[in-house]
PDB file of N, CA and C in Angstrom:
ATOM      1  N   MET A   1      -4.823 -65.843  86.600  1.00  0.00           N
ATOM      2  CA  MET A   1      -4.172 -67.120  86.358  1.00  0.00           C
ATOM      3  C   MET A   1      -2.658 -66.914  86.377  1.00  0.00           C
ATOM      4  N   GLU A   2      -1.983 -67.749  87.094  1.00  0.00           N
ATOM      5  CA  GLU A   2      -0.525 -67.677  87.148  1.00  0.00           C
ATOM      6  C   GLU A   2       0.054 -68.618  86.098  1.00  0.00           C
ATOM      7  N   GLU A   3       0.969 -68.092  85.292  1.00  0.00           N
ATOM      8  CA  GLU A   3       1.576 -68.904  84.241  1.00  0.00           C
ATOM      9  C   GLU A   3       3.038 -69.164  84.561  1.00  0.00           C
ATOM     10  N   SER A   4       3.489 -70.322  84.211  1.00  0.00           N
ATOM     11  CA  SER A   4       4.903 -70.653  84.305  1.00  0.00           C
ATOM     12  C   SER A   4       5.504 -70.513  82.923  1.00  0.00           C
ATOM     13  N   ALA A   5       6.813 -70.364  82.860  1.00  0.00           N
ATOM     14  CA  ALA A   5       7.489 -70.238  81.575  1.00  0.00           C
ATOM     15  C   ALA A   5       7.191 -71.440  80.688  1.00  0.00           C
ATOM     16  N   GLU A   6       7.021 -72.600  81.299  1.00  0.00           N
ATOM     17  CA  GLU A   6       6.743 -73.805  80.533  1.00  0.00           C
ATOM     18  C   GLU A   6       5.376 -73.744  79.862  1.00  0.00           C
ATOM     19  N   ASP A   7       4.472 -72.910  80.394  1.00  0.00           N
ATOM     20  CA  ASP A   7       3.125 -72.799  79.848  1.00  0.00           C
ATOM     21  C   ASP A   7       3.045 -71.850  78.660  1.00  0.00           C
ATOM     22  N   LEU A   8       4.057 -71.028  78.467  1.00  0.00           N
ATOM     23  CA  LEU A   8       4.035 -70.028  77.411  1.00  0.00           C
ATOM     24  C   LEU A   8       4.578 -70.595  76.110  1.00  0.00           C
ATOM     25  N   ASP A   9       4.037 -70.111  75.020  1.00  0.00           N
ATOM     26  CA  ASP A   9       4.481 -70.557  73.699  1.00  0.00           C
ATOM     27  C   ASP A   9       5.603 -69.636  73.214  1.00  0.00           C
ATOM     28  N   LEU A  10       6.746 -69.735  73.866  1.00  0.00           N
ATOM     29  CA  LEU A  10       7.904 -68.902  73.550  1.00  0.00           C
ATOM     30  C   LEU A  10       9.140 -69.772  73.390  1.00  0.00           C
ATOM     31  N   ASP A  11      10.170 -69.196  72.792  1.00  0.00           N
ATOM     32  CA  ASP A  11      11.442 -69.908  72.701  1.00  0.00           C
ATOM     33  C   ASP A  11      11.994 -70.169  74.095  1.00  0.00           C
ATOM     34  N   ARG A  12      12.681 -71.275  74.256  1.00  0.00           N
ATOM     35  CA  ARG A  12      13.293 -71.615  75.542  1.00  0.00           C
ATOM     36  C   ARG A  12      14.524 -70.756  75.760  1.00  0.00           C
ATOM     37  N   LEU A  13      14.782 -70.445  76.996  1.00  0.00           N
ATOM     38  CA  LEU A  13      15.994 -69.714  77.341  1.00  0.00           C
ATOM     39  C   LEU A  13      17.178 -70.681  77.339  1.00  0.00           C
ATOM     40  N   PRO A  14      18.367 -70.151  77.091  1.00  0.00           N
ATOM     41  CA  PRO A  14      19.551 -71.021  77.180  1.00  0.00           C
ATOM     42  C   PRO A  14      19.679 -71.606  78.591  1.00  0.00           C
ATOM     43  N   ALA A  15      20.238 -72.790  78.679  1.00  0.00           N
ATOM     44  CA  ALA A  15      20.369 -73.489  79.964  1.00  0.00           C
ATOM     45  C   ALA A  15      21.099 -72.648  81.003  1.00  0.00           C
ATOM     46  N   VAL A  16      22.112 -71.916  80.586  1.00  0.00           N
ATOM     47  CA  VAL A  16      22.872 -71.100  81.543  1.00  0.00           C
ATOM     48  C   VAL A  16      21.980 -70.014  82.157  1.00  0.00           C
ATOM     49  N   VAL A  17      21.060 -69.482  81.379  1.00  0.00           N
ATOM     50  CA  VAL A  17      20.141 -68.456  81.892  1.00  0.00           C
ATOM     51  C   VAL A  17      19.135 -69.092  82.852  1.00  0.00           C
ATOM     52  N   GLU A  18      18.592 -70.243  82.479  1.00  0.00           N
ATOM     53  CA  GLU A  18      17.670 -70.945  83.364  1.00  0.00           C
ATOM     54  C   GLU A  18      18.344 -71.281  84.698  1.00  0.00           C
ATOM     55  N   THR A  19      19.588 -71.704  84.655  1.00  0.00           N
ATOM     56  CA  THR A  19      20.342 -72.023  85.869  1.00  0.00           C
ATOM     57  C   THR A  19      20.527 -70.781  86.729  1.00  0.00           C
ATOM     58  N   TYR A  20      20.883 -69.675  86.092  1.00  0.00           N
ATOM     59  CA  TYR A  20      21.065 -68.409  86.815  1.00  0.00           C
ATOM     60  C   TYR A  20      19.762 -68.000  87.509  1.00  0.00           C
ATOM     61  N   PHE A  21      18.645 -68.048  86.767  1.00  0.00           N
ATOM     62  CA  PHE A  21      17.364 -67.663  87.352  1.00  0.00           C
ATOM     63  C   PHE A  21      16.982 -68.588  88.507  1.00  0.00           C
ATOM     64  N   ALA A  22      17.262 -69.858  88.390  1.00  0.00           N
ATOM     65  CA  ALA A  22      16.973 -70.803  89.475  1.00  0.00           C
ATOM     66  C   ALA A  22      17.778 -70.451  90.724  1.00  0.00           C
ATOM     67  N   GLN A  23      19.035 -70.084  90.547  1.00  0.00           N
ATOM     68  CA  GLN A  23      19.867 -69.684  91.684  1.00  0.00           C
ATOM     69  C   GLN A  23      19.342 -68.400  92.322  1.00  0.00           C
ATOM     70  N   GLU A  24      18.912 -67.456  91.490  1.00  0.00           N
ATOM     71  CA  GLU A  24      18.358 -66.206  92.015  1.00  0.00           C
ATOM     72  C   GLU A  24      17.070 -66.471  92.801  1.00  0.00           C
ATOM     73  N   ARG A  25      16.208 -67.334  92.274  1.00  0.00           N
ATOM     74  CA  ARG A  25      14.970 -67.662  92.995  1.00  0.00           C
ATOM     75  C   ARG A  25      15.281 -68.303  94.336  1.00  0.00           C
ATOM     76  N   ALA A  26      16.243 -69.199  94.359  1.00  0.00           N
ATOM     77  CA  ALA A  26      16.614 -69.862  95.623  1.00  0.00           C
ATOM     78  C   ALA A  26      17.148 -68.848  96.627  1.00  0.00           C
ATOM     79  N   TRP A  27      17.964 -67.921  96.158  1.00  0.00           N
ATOM     80  CA  TRP A  27      18.549 -66.897  97.031  1.00  0.00           C
ATOM     81  C   TRP A  27      17.449 -66.022  97.624  1.00  0.00           C
ATOM     82  N   HIS A  28      16.508 -65.595  96.794  1.00  0.00           N
ATOM     83  CA  HIS A  28      15.445 -64.726  97.296  1.00  0.00           C
ATOM     84  C   HIS A  28      14.487 -65.482  98.212  1.00  0.00           C
ATOM     85  N   ARG A  29      14.285 -66.775  97.967  1.00  0.00           N
ATOM     86  CA  ARG A  29      13.484 -67.584  98.906  1.00  0.00           C
ATOM     87  C   ARG A  29      14.170 -67.630 100.266  1.00  0.00           C
ATOM     88  N   LEU A  30      15.480 -67.798 100.261  1.00  0.00           N
ATOM     89  CA  LEU A  30      16.241 -67.819 101.515  1.00  0.00           C
ATOM     90  C   LEU A  30      16.093 -66.492 102.255  1.00  0.00           C
ATOM     91  N   LEU A  31      16.236 -65.386 101.536  1.00  0.00           N
ATOM     92  CA  LEU A  31      16.109 -64.078 102.178  1.00  0.00           C
ATOM     93  C   LEU A  31      14.715 -63.882 102.768  1.00  0.00           C
ATOM     94  N   ARG A  32      13.691 -64.268 102.022  1.00  0.00           N
ATOM     95  CA  ARG A  32      12.328 -64.134 102.546  1.00  0.00           C
ATOM     96  C   ARG A  32      12.119 -65.056 103.743  1.00  0.00           C
ATOM     97  N   GLY A  33      12.688 -66.257 103.686  1.00  0.00           N
ATOM     98  CA  GLY A  33      12.522 -67.215 104.771  1.00  0.00           C
ATOM     99  C   GLY A  33      13.156 -66.762 106.079  1.00  0.00           C
ATOM    100  N   THR A  34      14.216 -65.985 106.003  1.00  0.00           N
ATOM    101  CA  THR A  34      14.883 -65.494 107.208  1.00  0.00           C
ATOM    102  C   THR A  34      14.294 -64.178 107.688  1.00  0.00           C
ATOM    103  N   GLY A  35      13.395 -63.590 106.879  1.00  0.00           N
ATOM    104  CA  GLY A  35      12.796 -62.316 107.260  1.00  0.00           C
ATOM    105  C   GLY A  35      13.643 -61.114 106.879  1.00  0.00           C
ATOM    106  N   LEU A  36      14.793 -61.351 106.225  1.00  0.00           N
ATOM    107  CA  LEU A  36      15.646 -60.234 105.826  1.00  0.00           C
ATOM    108  C   LEU A  36      15.064 -59.447 104.664  1.00  0.00           C
ATOM    109  N   GLN A  37      14.191 -60.083 103.899  1.00  0.00           N
ATOM    110  CA  GLN A  37      13.572 -59.423 102.754  1.00  0.00           C
ATOM    111  C   GLN A  37      12.181 -60.012 102.579  1.00  0.00           C
ATOM    112  N   ASP A  38      11.188 -59.131 102.427  1.00  0.00           N
ATOM    113  CA  ASP A  38       9.841 -59.644 102.208  1.00  0.00           C
ATOM    114  C   ASP A  38       9.587 -59.849 100.713  1.00  0.00           C
ATOM    115  N   GLU A  39       8.449 -60.445 100.396  1.00  0.00           N
ATOM    116  CA  GLU A  39       8.150 -60.781  99.002  1.00  0.00           C
ATOM    117  C   GLU A  39       8.070 -59.538  98.122  1.00  0.00           C
ATOM    118  N   THR A  40       7.521 -58.448  98.639  1.00  0.00           N
ATOM    119  CA  THR A  40       7.401 -57.217  97.859  1.00  0.00           C
ATOM    120  C   THR A  40       8.776 -56.673  97.496  1.00  0.00           C
ATOM    121  N   ALA A  41       9.686 -56.637  98.449  1.00  0.00           N
ATOM    122  CA  ALA A  41      11.037 -56.148  98.187  1.00  0.00           C
ATOM    123  C   ALA A  41      11.768 -57.069  97.218  1.00  0.00           C
ATOM    124  N   SER A  42      11.544 -58.354  97.371  1.00  0.00           N
ATOM    125  CA  SER A  42      12.183 -59.320  96.485  1.00  0.00           C
ATOM    126  C   SER A  42      11.703 -59.133  95.050  1.00  0.00           C
ATOM    127  N   ARG A  43      10.392 -58.966  94.863  1.00  0.00           N
ATOM    128  CA  ARG A  43       9.851 -58.752  93.519  1.00  0.00           C
ATOM    129  C   ARG A  43      10.378 -57.449  92.912  1.00  0.00           C
ATOM    130  N   ALA A  44      10.476 -56.405  93.703  1.00  0.00           N
ATOM    131  CA  ALA A  44      10.980 -55.127  93.205  1.00  0.00           C
ATOM    132  C   ALA A  44      12.437 -55.250  92.770  1.00  0.00           C
ATOM    133  N   GLU A  45      13.222 -55.963  93.525  1.00  0.00           N
ATOM    134  CA  GLU A  45      14.638 -56.152  93.184  1.00  0.00           C
ATOM    135  C   GLU A  45      14.783 -56.953  91.886  1.00  0.00           C
ATOM    136  N   LEU A  46      14.017 -58.015  91.747  1.00  0.00           N
ATOM    137  CA  LEU A  46      14.090 -58.816  90.531  1.00  0.00           C
ATOM    138  C   LEU A  46      13.529 -58.069  89.320  1.00  0.00           C
ATOM    139  N   ALA A  47      12.500 -57.246  89.535  1.00  0.00           N
ATOM    140  CA  ALA A  47      11.868 -56.525  88.426  1.00  0.00           C
ATOM    141  C   ALA A  47      12.844 -55.576  87.749  1.00  0.00           C
ATOM    142  N   ARG A  48      13.733 -54.985  88.497  1.00  0.00           N
ATOM    143  CA  ARG A  48      14.663 -54.043  87.868  1.00  0.00           C
ATOM    144  C   ARG A  48      15.616 -54.732  86.893  1.00  0.00           C
ATOM    145  N   TRP A  49      15.774 -56.040  87.042  1.00  0.00           N
ATOM    146  CA  TRP A  49      16.664 -56.797  86.135  1.00  0.00           C
ATOM    147  C   TRP A  49      15.932 -57.324  84.908  1.00  0.00           C
ATOM    148  N   VAL A  50      14.626 -57.502  85.022  1.00  0.00           N
ATOM    149  CA  VAL A  50      13.908 -58.119  83.912  1.00  0.00           C
ATOM    150  C   VAL A  50      13.041 -57.142  83.128  1.00  0.00           C
ATOM    151  N   GLN A  51      12.850 -55.939  83.638  1.00  0.00           N
ATOM    152  CA  GLN A  51      12.055 -54.953  82.898  1.00  0.00           C
ATOM    153  C   GLN A  51      12.864 -54.420  81.735  1.00  0.00           C
ATOM    154  N   GLN A  52      12.157 -54.168  80.657  1.00  0.00           N
ATOM    155  CA  GLN A  52      12.829 -53.659  79.447  1.00  0.00           C
ATOM    156  C   GLN A  52      12.807 -52.159  79.418  1.00  0.00           C
TER     157      GLN A  52
END
């Protein structure tokens, strides 16, 4: 099952963080859409920023 942040019972992120993540998602969608980066590479790049 795929969950969205809205589905989780957690505190909301500050608006500035949500905006930043939205911009990052848009950028990586663009890269995947042009073929410059595939989904696996995109996930690996984002994972290094969100892993603890």
